[in-house]
Amino acid sequence: MARKKVNNELNRLLTARNDRMRKLQGIVKEAIDEQELILNNLAHPPQEEITRGQKLADRVAAFGGSWGFITAFFVVLLAWIIFNVVAPAKEIFDPYPFILMNLVLSCLAAVQAPVIMMSQNRQEEKDRKRSENDYLINLKAELELRSLHQKMDLLLQDEVRSISEVQQEHYKLLVAMDRKLARLNAGPGPHGAT
């Protein structure tokens, strides 16, 4: 009967330990699934919808801020000036002081500046969203660390409690065994002596 009680108690303790291990495995699996979801969202962000005007602003800003534009710009200006200085009087369309050229340059600057600003504003919005994502990722990591600390603390407390219970059961068994040993050592008593 005592052996059956001991076996039942050991089975109960092992079952409780297995339940705790299953809970821990479930927690780890949830954490891995959440991490994969975040990584998938970061690796494949939702596509941004860009209007035609935004696409055009990006192209103009990309070309207007390139060495190709600067080179072409200086070639056209140089050709304009040389043609209007060297050409026969009937073919000159913008004589010195090149008023038409100044008007064209002013119009170009007036149109190009807002277009570049639109592109920069869009890029700034992208950078802001990227910063927000970085902040949210850092915040999630911090919260996840806190959660893991709490889970580890709970697991440690549970493990300490479990070890304490096992020690109490061992102590009870040892006391019971000590009593049985004492009875066995005491012998059958004066009535059973030969």
N, C-alpha and C. Protein backbone atom coordinates (compact mmCIF):
# COMPACT_ATOMS: atom_id res chain seq x y z
N MET A 1 0.83 -1.19 0.00
CA MET A 1 0.00 0.00 0.00
C MET A 1 0.87 1.25 0.00
N ALA A 2 1.94 1.24 0.82
CA ALA A 2 2.83 2.39 0.87
C ALA A 2 3.55 2.57 -0.46
N ARG A 3 3.93 1.47 -1.07
CA ARG A 3 4.62 1.54 -2.37
C ARG A 3 3.68 2.13 -3.43
N LYS A 4 2.42 1.74 -3.41
CA LYS A 4 1.45 2.27 -4.36
C LYS A 4 1.27 3.77 -4.15
N LYS A 5 1.25 4.20 -2.90
CA LYS A 5 1.11 5.62 -2.58
C LYS A 5 2.32 6.40 -3.10
N VAL A 6 3.51 5.81 -2.91
CA VAL A 6 4.74 6.45 -3.39
C VAL A 6 4.71 6.56 -4.91
N ASN A 7 4.32 5.48 -5.58
CA ASN A 7 4.23 5.50 -7.05
C ASN A 7 3.22 6.53 -7.53
N ASN A 8 2.08 6.61 -6.86
CA ASN A 8 1.07 7.60 -7.24
C ASN A 8 1.61 9.02 -7.07
N GLU A 9 2.31 9.24 -5.98
CA GLU A 9 2.87 10.58 -5.72
C GLU A 9 3.93 10.94 -6.75
N LEU A 10 4.80 9.98 -7.09
CA LEU A 10 5.82 10.23 -8.11
C LEU A 10 5.18 10.50 -9.47
N ASN A 11 4.15 9.74 -9.81
CA ASN A 11 3.43 9.97 -11.08
C ASN A 11 2.81 11.36 -11.11
N ARG A 12 2.23 11.77 -9.98
CA ARG A 12 1.62 13.11 -9.91
C ARG A 12 2.69 14.18 -10.14
N LEU A 13 3.84 14.04 -9.48
CA LEU A 13 4.92 15.03 -9.63
C LEU A 13 5.47 15.05 -11.06
N LEU A 14 5.64 13.87 -11.66
CA LEU A 14 6.14 13.82 -13.04
C LEU A 14 5.13 14.40 -14.01
N THR A 15 3.85 14.14 -13.80
CA THR A 15 2.81 14.71 -14.66
C THR A 15 2.79 16.23 -14.55
N ALA A 16 2.92 16.75 -13.33
CA ALA A 16 2.95 18.21 -13.14
C ALA A 16 4.16 18.79 -13.86
N ARG A 17 5.30 18.12 -13.79
CA ARG A 17 6.51 18.62 -14.46
C ARG A 17 6.33 18.59 -15.98
N ASN A 18 5.73 17.52 -16.50
CA ASN A 18 5.47 17.43 -17.94
C ASN A 18 4.51 18.52 -18.40
N ASP A 19 3.50 18.83 -17.59
CA ASP A 19 2.57 19.91 -17.92
C ASP A 19 3.30 21.25 -18.00
N ARG A 20 4.20 21.49 -17.05
CA ARG A 20 4.98 22.74 -17.08
C ARG A 20 5.85 22.80 -18.33
N MET A 21 6.44 21.69 -18.71
CA MET A 21 7.29 21.67 -19.91
C MET A 21 6.44 21.93 -21.17
N ARG A 22 5.23 21.37 -21.22
CA ARG A 22 4.36 21.63 -22.36
C ARG A 22 3.98 23.11 -22.43
N LYS A 23 3.70 23.73 -21.27
CA LYS A 23 3.39 25.16 -21.24
C LYS A 23 4.57 25.97 -21.75
N LEU A 24 5.77 25.63 -21.32
CA LEU A 24 6.97 26.34 -21.76
C LEU A 24 7.16 26.19 -23.26
N GLN A 25 6.95 24.99 -23.79
CA GLN A 25 7.08 24.77 -25.23
C GLN A 25 6.03 25.59 -25.99
N GLY A 26 4.83 25.68 -25.45
CA GLY A 26 3.79 26.50 -26.08
C GLY A 26 4.17 27.97 -26.11
N ILE A 27 4.73 28.46 -25.02
CA ILE A 27 5.18 29.87 -24.96
C ILE A 27 6.26 30.12 -26.00
N VAL A 28 7.22 29.22 -26.11
CA VAL A 28 8.30 29.37 -27.08
C VAL A 28 7.75 29.34 -28.50
N LYS A 29 6.81 28.42 -28.77
CA LYS A 29 6.22 28.33 -30.11
C LYS A 29 5.48 29.62 -30.47
N GLU A 30 4.71 30.18 -29.54
CA GLU A 30 4.01 31.45 -29.79
C GLU A 30 5.00 32.56 -30.11
N ALA A 31 6.08 32.64 -29.34
CA ALA A 31 7.09 33.68 -29.56
C ALA A 31 7.72 33.54 -30.94
N ILE A 32 8.00 32.30 -31.36
CA ILE A 32 8.60 32.08 -32.68
C ILE A 32 7.61 32.47 -33.78
N ASP A 33 6.33 32.09 -33.63
CA ASP A 33 5.32 32.45 -34.63
C ASP A 33 5.18 33.96 -34.76
N GLU A 34 5.16 34.69 -33.63
CA GLU A 34 5.07 36.15 -33.66
C GLU A 34 6.29 36.75 -34.35
N GLN A 35 7.47 36.22 -34.05
CA GLN A 35 8.70 36.72 -34.65
C GLN A 35 8.68 36.53 -36.16
N GLU A 36 8.20 35.36 -36.63
CA GLU A 36 8.14 35.10 -38.07
C GLU A 36 7.18 36.07 -38.74
N LEU A 37 6.06 36.40 -38.09
CA LEU A 37 5.11 37.34 -38.65
C LEU A 37 5.74 38.72 -38.80
N ILE A 38 6.47 39.17 -37.80
CA ILE A 38 7.13 40.48 -37.87
C ILE A 38 8.17 40.48 -38.98
N LEU A 39 8.99 39.43 -39.04
CA LEU A 39 10.03 39.36 -40.07
C LEU A 39 9.41 39.34 -41.46
N ASN A 40 8.30 38.63 -41.63
CA ASN A 40 7.64 38.58 -42.93
C ASN A 40 7.11 39.96 -43.32
N ASN A 41 6.53 40.68 -42.36
CA ASN A 41 6.03 42.03 -42.65
C ASN A 41 7.16 42.98 -43.00
N LEU A 42 8.32 42.82 -42.36
CA LEU A 42 9.45 43.69 -42.66
C LEU A 42 10.09 43.34 -44.00
N ALA A 43 10.16 42.05 -44.32
CA ALA A 43 10.77 41.62 -45.57
C ALA A 43 9.89 41.95 -46.76
N HIS A 44 8.56 41.93 -46.58
CA HIS A 44 7.62 42.20 -47.66
C HIS A 44 6.63 43.27 -47.23
N PRO A 45 7.09 44.54 -47.17
CA PRO A 45 6.17 45.60 -46.74
C PRO A 45 5.08 45.82 -47.78
N PRO A 46 3.94 46.35 -47.36
CA PRO A 46 2.87 46.62 -48.33
C PRO A 46 3.36 47.63 -49.38
N GLN A 47 2.94 47.40 -50.62
CA GLN A 47 3.37 48.26 -51.71
C GLN A 47 2.71 49.63 -51.59
N GLU A 48 3.52 50.64 -51.82
CA GLU A 48 3.04 52.02 -51.74
C GLU A 48 2.37 52.39 -53.06
N GLU A 49 1.22 53.03 -52.97
CA GLU A 49 0.54 53.48 -54.17
C GLU A 49 1.03 54.88 -54.51
N ILE A 50 1.58 55.02 -55.72
CA ILE A 50 2.17 56.29 -56.15
C ILE A 50 1.34 56.82 -57.32
N THR A 51 0.97 58.10 -57.24
CA THR A 51 0.21 58.72 -58.33
C THR A 51 1.15 59.07 -59.48
N ARG A 52 0.56 59.41 -60.63
CA ARG A 52 1.38 59.79 -61.79
C ARG A 52 2.21 61.03 -61.49
N GLY A 53 1.59 61.98 -60.80
CA GLY A 53 2.30 63.21 -60.45
C GLY A 53 3.51 62.92 -59.56
N GLN A 54 3.35 62.00 -58.61
CA GLN A 54 4.47 61.65 -57.73
C GLN A 54 5.57 60.94 -58.51
N LYS A 55 5.17 60.06 -59.45
CA LYS A 55 6.17 59.38 -60.28
C LYS A 55 6.94 60.40 -61.12
N LEU A 56 6.20 61.35 -61.70
CA LEU A 56 6.85 62.38 -62.51
C LEU A 56 7.77 63.24 -61.66
N ALA A 57 7.32 63.61 -60.46
CA ALA A 57 8.15 64.42 -59.56
C ALA A 57 9.43 63.67 -59.20
N ASP A 58 9.32 62.37 -58.97
CA ASP A 58 10.51 61.57 -58.64
C ASP A 58 11.48 61.52 -59.82
N ARG A 59 10.95 61.35 -61.03
CA ARG A 59 11.82 61.30 -62.21
C ARG A 59 12.50 62.64 -62.46
N VAL A 60 11.72 63.72 -62.34
CA VAL A 60 12.30 65.06 -62.56
C VAL A 60 13.37 65.33 -61.50
N ALA A 61 13.08 65.01 -60.24
CA ALA A 61 14.05 65.23 -59.17
C ALA A 61 15.29 64.37 -59.38
N ALA A 62 15.10 63.13 -59.83
CA ALA A 62 16.24 62.26 -60.06
C ALA A 62 17.10 62.79 -61.20
N PHE A 63 16.45 63.23 -62.27
CA PHE A 63 17.22 63.76 -63.39
C PHE A 63 17.81 65.13 -63.05
N GLY A 64 17.01 65.98 -62.39
CA GLY A 64 17.48 67.33 -62.05
C GLY A 64 18.62 67.33 -61.05
N GLY A 65 18.80 66.28 -60.33
CA GLY A 65 19.89 66.20 -59.37
C GLY A 65 21.02 65.29 -59.83
N SER A 66 21.14 65.12 -61.14
CA SER A 66 22.17 64.22 -61.65
C SER A 66 23.23 65.01 -62.44
N TRP A 67 24.37 64.37 -62.62
CA TRP A 67 25.44 64.99 -63.41
C TRP A 67 25.04 65.07 -64.88
N GLY A 68 24.19 64.17 -65.33
CA GLY A 68 23.70 64.23 -66.71
C GLY A 68 22.95 65.53 -66.97
N PHE A 69 22.09 65.91 -65.99
CA PHE A 69 21.35 67.16 -66.15
C PHE A 69 22.30 68.36 -66.15
N ILE A 70 23.23 68.37 -65.23
CA ILE A 70 24.18 69.49 -65.14
C ILE A 70 24.98 69.62 -66.43
N THR A 71 25.46 68.50 -66.94
CA THR A 71 26.25 68.52 -68.19
C THR A 71 25.37 69.00 -69.35
N ALA A 72 24.18 68.44 -69.50
CA ALA A 72 23.28 68.85 -70.59
C ALA A 72 22.90 70.32 -70.45
N PHE A 73 22.68 70.75 -69.23
CA PHE A 73 22.30 72.14 -68.97
C PHE A 73 23.40 73.09 -69.45
N PHE A 74 24.65 72.80 -69.08
CA PHE A 74 25.75 73.66 -69.51
C PHE A 74 26.00 73.58 -71.01
N VAL A 75 25.81 72.44 -71.62
CA VAL A 75 25.98 72.32 -73.08
C VAL A 75 24.93 73.16 -73.79
N VAL A 76 23.67 73.07 -73.35
CA VAL A 76 22.60 73.85 -73.98
C VAL A 76 22.85 75.35 -73.79
N LEU A 77 23.22 75.77 -72.59
CA LEU A 77 23.50 77.19 -72.35
C LEU A 77 24.66 77.69 -73.20
N LEU A 78 25.73 76.90 -73.27
CA LEU A 78 26.90 77.29 -74.07
C LEU A 78 26.53 77.37 -75.55
N ALA A 79 25.76 76.39 -76.04
CA ALA A 79 25.33 76.42 -77.45
C ALA A 79 24.44 77.64 -77.70
N TRP A 80 23.55 77.92 -76.79
CA TRP A 80 22.65 79.09 -76.91
C TRP A 80 23.47 80.37 -77.04
N ILE A 81 24.43 80.54 -76.12
CA ILE A 81 25.24 81.76 -76.11
C ILE A 81 26.08 81.86 -77.38
N ILE A 82 26.75 80.77 -77.74
CA ILE A 82 27.63 80.79 -78.93
C ILE A 82 26.81 81.07 -80.18
N PHE A 83 25.67 80.39 -80.32
CA PHE A 83 24.84 80.61 -81.49
C PHE A 83 24.40 82.07 -81.59
N ASN A 84 23.94 82.65 -80.47
CA ASN A 84 23.42 84.01 -80.50
C ASN A 84 24.54 85.06 -80.60
N VAL A 85 25.78 84.69 -80.41
CA VAL A 85 26.89 85.63 -80.56
C VAL A 85 27.49 85.51 -81.97
N VAL A 86 27.58 84.29 -82.48
CA VAL A 86 28.29 84.03 -83.73
C VAL A 86 27.35 84.05 -84.94
N ALA A 87 26.11 83.75 -84.80
CA ALA A 87 25.18 83.61 -85.93
C ALA A 87 24.97 84.95 -86.63
N PRO A 88 24.60 84.88 -87.91
CA PRO A 88 24.28 86.12 -88.64
C PRO A 88 23.10 86.84 -87.99
N ALA A 89 22.99 88.11 -88.16
CA ALA A 89 22.01 88.96 -87.49
C ALA A 89 20.57 88.50 -87.74
N LYS A 90 20.26 87.97 -88.94
CA LYS A 90 18.90 87.53 -89.25
C LYS A 90 18.50 86.28 -88.46
N GLU A 91 19.46 85.45 -88.08
CA GLU A 91 19.16 84.18 -87.41
C GLU A 91 19.22 84.28 -85.88
N ILE A 92 19.70 85.35 -85.34
CA ILE A 92 19.79 85.52 -83.88
C ILE A 92 18.38 85.67 -83.32
N PHE A 93 18.03 84.82 -82.35
CA PHE A 93 16.69 84.90 -81.74
C PHE A 93 16.75 85.48 -80.32
N ASP A 94 17.97 85.59 -79.72
CA ASP A 94 18.11 86.14 -78.37
C ASP A 94 19.44 86.89 -78.28
N PRO A 95 19.45 88.15 -78.73
CA PRO A 95 20.72 88.89 -78.72
C PRO A 95 21.18 89.20 -77.29
N TYR A 96 22.46 89.55 -77.22
CA TYR A 96 23.04 89.91 -75.93
C TYR A 96 22.21 91.05 -75.36
N PRO A 97 21.82 91.01 -74.14
CA PRO A 97 22.15 90.34 -72.87
C PRO A 97 21.33 89.08 -72.60
N PHE A 98 20.84 88.39 -73.62
CA PHE A 98 20.18 87.09 -73.53
C PHE A 98 18.97 87.12 -72.58
N ILE A 99 18.05 88.01 -72.86
CA ILE A 99 16.85 88.17 -72.02
C ILE A 99 15.97 86.92 -72.09
N LEU A 100 15.82 86.33 -73.28
CA LEU A 100 15.00 85.13 -73.42
C LEU A 100 15.62 83.96 -72.63
N MET A 101 16.96 83.86 -72.67
CA MET A 101 17.62 82.81 -71.91
C MET A 101 17.38 83.00 -70.41
N ASN A 102 17.43 84.22 -69.93
CA ASN A 102 17.16 84.49 -68.51
C ASN A 102 15.72 84.11 -68.15
N LEU A 103 14.79 84.40 -69.06
CA LEU A 103 13.40 84.04 -68.83
C LEU A 103 13.23 82.52 -68.77
N VAL A 104 13.87 81.81 -69.70
CA VAL A 104 13.78 80.34 -69.72
C VAL A 104 14.40 79.76 -68.44
N LEU A 105 15.55 80.29 -68.02
CA LEU A 105 16.21 79.80 -66.80
C LEU A 105 15.34 80.08 -65.57
N SER A 106 14.71 81.24 -65.53
CA SER A 106 13.83 81.56 -64.40
C SER A 106 12.63 80.63 -64.36
N CYS A 107 12.03 80.37 -65.53
CA CYS A 107 10.89 79.44 -65.60
C CYS A 107 11.32 78.03 -65.20
N LEU A 108 12.49 77.61 -65.67
CA LEU A 108 12.99 76.29 -65.32
C LEU A 108 13.17 76.17 -63.80
N ALA A 109 13.78 77.17 -63.20
CA ALA A 109 13.98 77.15 -61.75
C ALA A 109 12.65 77.19 -61.01
N ALA A 110 11.69 77.99 -61.53
CA ALA A 110 10.39 78.12 -60.87
C ALA A 110 9.61 76.81 -60.92
N VAL A 111 9.77 76.04 -61.97
CA VAL A 111 9.05 74.77 -62.08
C VAL A 111 9.81 73.65 -61.38
N GLN A 112 11.12 73.66 -61.54
CA GLN A 112 11.92 72.56 -61.01
C GLN A 112 11.94 72.56 -59.47
N ALA A 113 12.01 73.70 -58.84
CA ALA A 113 12.09 73.77 -57.38
C ALA A 113 10.89 73.12 -56.70
N PRO A 114 9.63 73.45 -57.07
CA PRO A 114 8.50 72.79 -56.40
C PRO A 114 8.43 71.28 -56.69
N VAL A 115 8.83 70.89 -57.90
CA VAL A 115 8.80 69.46 -58.24
C VAL A 115 9.80 68.72 -57.36
N ILE A 116 10.99 69.28 -57.19
CA ILE A 116 11.99 68.66 -56.32
C ILE A 116 11.49 68.63 -54.88
N MET A 117 10.83 69.70 -54.45
CA MET A 117 10.27 69.73 -53.09
C MET A 117 9.22 68.64 -52.89
N MET A 118 8.38 68.42 -53.91
CA MET A 118 7.37 67.34 -53.81
C MET A 118 8.07 66.00 -53.62
N SER A 119 9.10 65.76 -54.40
CA SER A 119 9.82 64.49 -54.29
C SER A 119 10.50 64.36 -52.92
N GLN A 120 11.08 65.45 -52.44
CA GLN A 120 11.72 65.42 -51.13
C GLN A 120 10.70 65.20 -50.01
N ASN A 121 9.52 65.81 -50.15
CA ASN A 121 8.47 65.59 -49.15
C ASN A 121 8.03 64.13 -49.11
N ARG A 122 7.92 63.52 -50.29
CA ARG A 122 7.56 62.11 -50.33
C ARG A 122 8.65 61.24 -49.70
N GLN A 123 9.91 61.57 -49.99
CA GLN A 123 11.02 60.83 -49.40
C GLN A 123 11.05 61.02 -47.88
N GLU A 124 10.75 62.24 -47.45
CA GLU A 124 10.69 62.51 -46.01
C GLU A 124 9.59 61.70 -45.35
N GLU A 125 8.46 61.55 -46.03
CA GLU A 125 7.35 60.74 -45.50
C GLU A 125 7.78 59.27 -45.40
N LYS A 126 8.50 58.79 -46.41
CA LYS A 126 9.01 57.41 -46.37
C LYS A 126 9.96 57.24 -45.18
N ASP A 127 10.86 58.22 -45.00
CA ASP A 127 11.82 58.14 -43.89
C ASP A 127 11.09 58.17 -42.54
N ARG A 128 10.04 58.98 -42.44
CA ARG A 128 9.27 59.05 -41.21
C ARG A 128 8.60 57.71 -40.92
N LYS A 129 8.02 57.09 -41.95
CA LYS A 129 7.40 55.78 -41.77
C LYS A 129 8.44 54.73 -41.38
N ARG A 130 9.61 54.81 -42.00
CA ARG A 130 10.68 53.87 -41.67
C ARG A 130 11.11 54.05 -40.21
N SER A 131 11.19 55.31 -39.77
CA SER A 131 11.55 55.58 -38.38
C SER A 131 10.47 55.07 -37.42
N GLU A 132 9.21 55.24 -37.79
CA GLU A 132 8.13 54.72 -36.97
C GLU A 132 8.20 53.21 -36.87
N ASN A 133 8.49 52.55 -38.00
CA ASN A 133 8.63 51.09 -37.99
C ASN A 133 9.79 50.67 -37.09
N ASP A 134 10.91 51.37 -37.18
CA ASP A 134 12.05 51.06 -36.32
C ASP A 134 11.68 51.22 -34.85
N TYR A 135 10.96 52.30 -34.55
CA TYR A 135 10.54 52.53 -33.17
C TYR A 135 9.62 51.41 -32.69
N LEU A 136 8.65 51.02 -33.53
CA LEU A 136 7.72 49.97 -33.15
C LEU A 136 8.44 48.63 -32.96
N ILE A 137 9.42 48.36 -33.80
CA ILE A 137 10.19 47.13 -33.66
C ILE A 137 10.98 47.15 -32.36
N ASN A 138 11.61 48.28 -32.07
CA ASN A 138 12.36 48.39 -30.81
C ASN A 138 11.43 48.26 -29.60
N LEU A 139 10.26 48.88 -29.70
CA LEU A 139 9.29 48.80 -28.61
C LEU A 139 8.82 47.36 -28.43
N LYS A 140 8.53 46.68 -29.53
CA LYS A 140 8.09 45.28 -29.45
C LYS A 140 9.20 44.43 -28.85
N ALA A 141 10.43 44.66 -29.25
CA ALA A 141 11.54 43.89 -28.69
C ALA A 141 11.65 44.11 -27.18
N GLU A 142 11.50 45.36 -26.76
CA GLU A 142 11.57 45.66 -25.33
C GLU A 142 10.42 44.97 -24.57
N LEU A 143 9.22 45.04 -25.13
CA LEU A 143 8.08 44.39 -24.49
C LEU A 143 8.25 42.87 -24.46
N GLU A 144 8.81 42.35 -25.53
CA GLU A 144 9.04 40.90 -25.58
C GLU A 144 10.08 40.48 -24.54
N LEU A 145 11.12 41.30 -24.37
CA LEU A 145 12.11 41.00 -23.34
C LEU A 145 11.49 41.03 -21.95
N ARG A 146 10.67 42.04 -21.71
CA ARG A 146 9.99 42.11 -20.41
C ARG A 146 9.11 40.89 -20.19
N SER A 147 8.38 40.51 -21.24
CA SER A 147 7.51 39.35 -21.15
C SER A 147 8.31 38.08 -20.88
N LEU A 148 9.44 37.95 -21.57
CA LEU A 148 10.28 36.77 -21.34
C LEU A 148 10.83 36.75 -19.92
N HIS A 149 11.21 37.92 -19.41
CA HIS A 149 11.68 37.99 -18.02
C HIS A 149 10.58 37.55 -17.06
N GLN A 150 9.38 38.02 -17.29
CA GLN A 150 8.27 37.64 -16.41
C GLN A 150 7.99 36.13 -16.50
N LYS A 151 8.03 35.61 -17.74
CA LYS A 151 7.79 34.18 -17.91
C LYS A 151 8.88 33.37 -17.22
N MET A 152 10.12 33.81 -17.37
CA MET A 152 11.22 33.09 -16.71
C MET A 152 11.07 33.16 -15.19
N ASP A 153 10.70 34.33 -14.68
CA ASP A 153 10.49 34.46 -13.23
C ASP A 153 9.39 33.51 -12.76
N LEU A 154 8.28 33.44 -13.52
CA LEU A 154 7.19 32.54 -13.15
C LEU A 154 7.64 31.08 -13.21
N LEU A 155 8.40 30.76 -14.28
CA LEU A 155 8.89 29.39 -14.39
C LEU A 155 9.83 29.04 -13.24
N LEU A 156 10.70 29.98 -12.87
CA LEU A 156 11.61 29.72 -11.76
C LEU A 156 10.84 29.56 -10.45
N GLN A 157 9.85 30.42 -10.22
CA GLN A 157 9.05 30.28 -9.02
C GLN A 157 8.33 28.94 -8.99
N ASP A 158 7.79 28.55 -10.14
CA ASP A 158 7.09 27.28 -10.24
C ASP A 158 8.05 26.12 -10.00
N GLU A 159 9.26 26.23 -10.56
CA GLU A 159 10.26 25.18 -10.38
C GLU A 159 10.70 25.08 -8.92
N VAL A 160 10.89 26.23 -8.28
CA VAL A 160 11.27 26.23 -6.85
C VAL A 160 10.16 25.59 -6.02
N ARG A 161 8.91 25.96 -6.31
CA ARG A 161 7.77 25.37 -5.60
C ARG A 161 7.72 23.86 -5.83
N SER A 162 7.94 23.45 -7.08
CA SER A 162 7.92 22.03 -7.41
C SER A 162 9.03 21.28 -6.69
N ILE A 163 10.22 21.86 -6.67
CA ILE A 163 11.34 21.22 -5.97
C ILE A 163 11.03 21.13 -4.47
N SER A 164 10.44 22.17 -3.93
CA SER A 164 10.07 22.17 -2.51
C SER A 164 9.06 21.07 -2.23
N GLU A 165 8.07 20.92 -3.11
CA GLU A 165 7.08 19.85 -2.93
C GLU A 165 7.74 18.47 -2.99
N VAL A 166 8.65 18.31 -3.94
CA VAL A 166 9.35 17.02 -4.07
C VAL A 166 10.17 16.75 -2.81
N GLN A 167 10.84 17.80 -2.31
CA GLN A 167 11.63 17.62 -1.09
C GLN A 167 10.74 17.26 0.09
N GLN A 168 9.57 17.89 0.19
CA GLN A 168 8.64 17.56 1.27
C GLN A 168 8.18 16.11 1.16
N GLU A 169 7.87 15.68 -0.05
CA GLU A 169 7.46 14.29 -0.26
C GLU A 169 8.59 13.34 0.09
N HIS A 170 9.82 13.68 -0.32
CA HIS A 170 10.98 12.84 0.03
C HIS A 170 11.16 12.79 1.55
N TYR A 171 10.98 13.94 2.17
CA TYR A 171 11.13 13.99 3.63
C TYR A 171 10.09 13.09 4.30
N LYS A 172 8.84 13.17 3.83
CA LYS A 172 7.78 12.33 4.39
C LYS A 172 8.11 10.86 4.21
N LEU A 173 8.59 10.52 3.00
CA LEU A 173 8.95 9.13 2.73
C LEU A 173 10.10 8.68 3.63
N LEU A 174 11.09 9.58 3.79
CA LEU A 174 12.23 9.23 4.66
C LEU A 174 11.78 9.05 6.11
N VAL A 175 10.89 9.90 6.59
CA VAL A 175 10.38 9.76 7.96
C VAL A 175 9.64 8.45 8.10
N ALA A 176 8.79 8.12 7.09
CA ALA A 176 8.04 6.86 7.13
C ALA A 176 9.00 5.67 7.11
N MET A 177 10.02 5.78 6.26
CA MET A 177 11.00 4.68 6.20
C MET A 177 11.79 4.58 7.51
N ASP A 178 12.10 5.74 8.09
CA ASP A 178 12.83 5.74 9.36
C ASP A 178 11.99 5.07 10.45
N ARG A 179 10.71 5.34 10.49
CA ARG A 179 9.82 4.71 11.47
C ARG A 179 9.77 3.19 11.27
N LYS A 180 9.66 2.80 9.99
CA LYS A 180 9.62 1.36 9.71
C LYS A 180 10.92 0.69 10.13
N LEU A 181 12.05 1.37 9.84
CA LEU A 181 13.36 0.83 10.24
C LEU A 181 13.46 0.74 11.76
N ALA A 182 12.96 1.75 12.43
CA ALA A 182 13.00 1.75 13.89
C ALA A 182 12.17 0.58 14.43
N ARG A 183 11.00 0.35 13.83
CA ARG A 183 10.17 -0.77 14.27
C ARG A 183 10.83 -2.11 13.97
N LEU A 184 11.47 -2.18 12.79
CA LEU A 184 12.14 -3.43 12.44
C LEU A 184 13.34 -3.69 13.36
N ASN A 185 14.08 -2.62 13.68
CA ASN A 185 15.24 -2.76 14.56
C ASN A 185 14.83 -3.07 15.99
N ALA A 186 13.67 -2.56 16.36
CA ALA A 186 13.19 -2.83 17.71
C ALA A 186 12.85 -4.31 17.86
N GLY A 187 12.56 -4.93 16.79
CA GLY A 187 12.29 -6.37 16.81
C GLY A 187 10.86 -6.66 17.19
N PRO A 188 10.57 -7.99 17.31
CA PRO A 188 9.21 -8.38 17.62
C PRO A 188 8.85 -8.14 19.08
N GLY A 189 9.82 -7.77 19.87
CA GLY A 189 9.51 -7.49 21.27
C GLY A 189 9.76 -8.73 22.14
N PRO A 190 9.45 -8.65 23.46
CA PRO A 190 9.73 -9.74 24.38
C PRO A 190 8.89 -10.98 24.11
N HIS A 191 7.76 -10.85 23.52
CA HIS A 191 6.90 -12.00 23.30
C HIS A 191 7.43 -12.88 22.20
N GLY A 192 8.15 -12.30 21.22
CA GLY A 192 8.62 -13.08 20.09
C GLY A 192 10.03 -13.59 20.26
N ALA A 193 10.70 -13.40 21.41
CA ALA A 193 12.08 -13.82 21.57
C ALA A 193 12.16 -15.30 21.83
N THR A 194 13.15 -15.98 21.33
CA THR A 194 13.31 -17.41 21.55
C THR A 194 14.36 -17.75 22.53
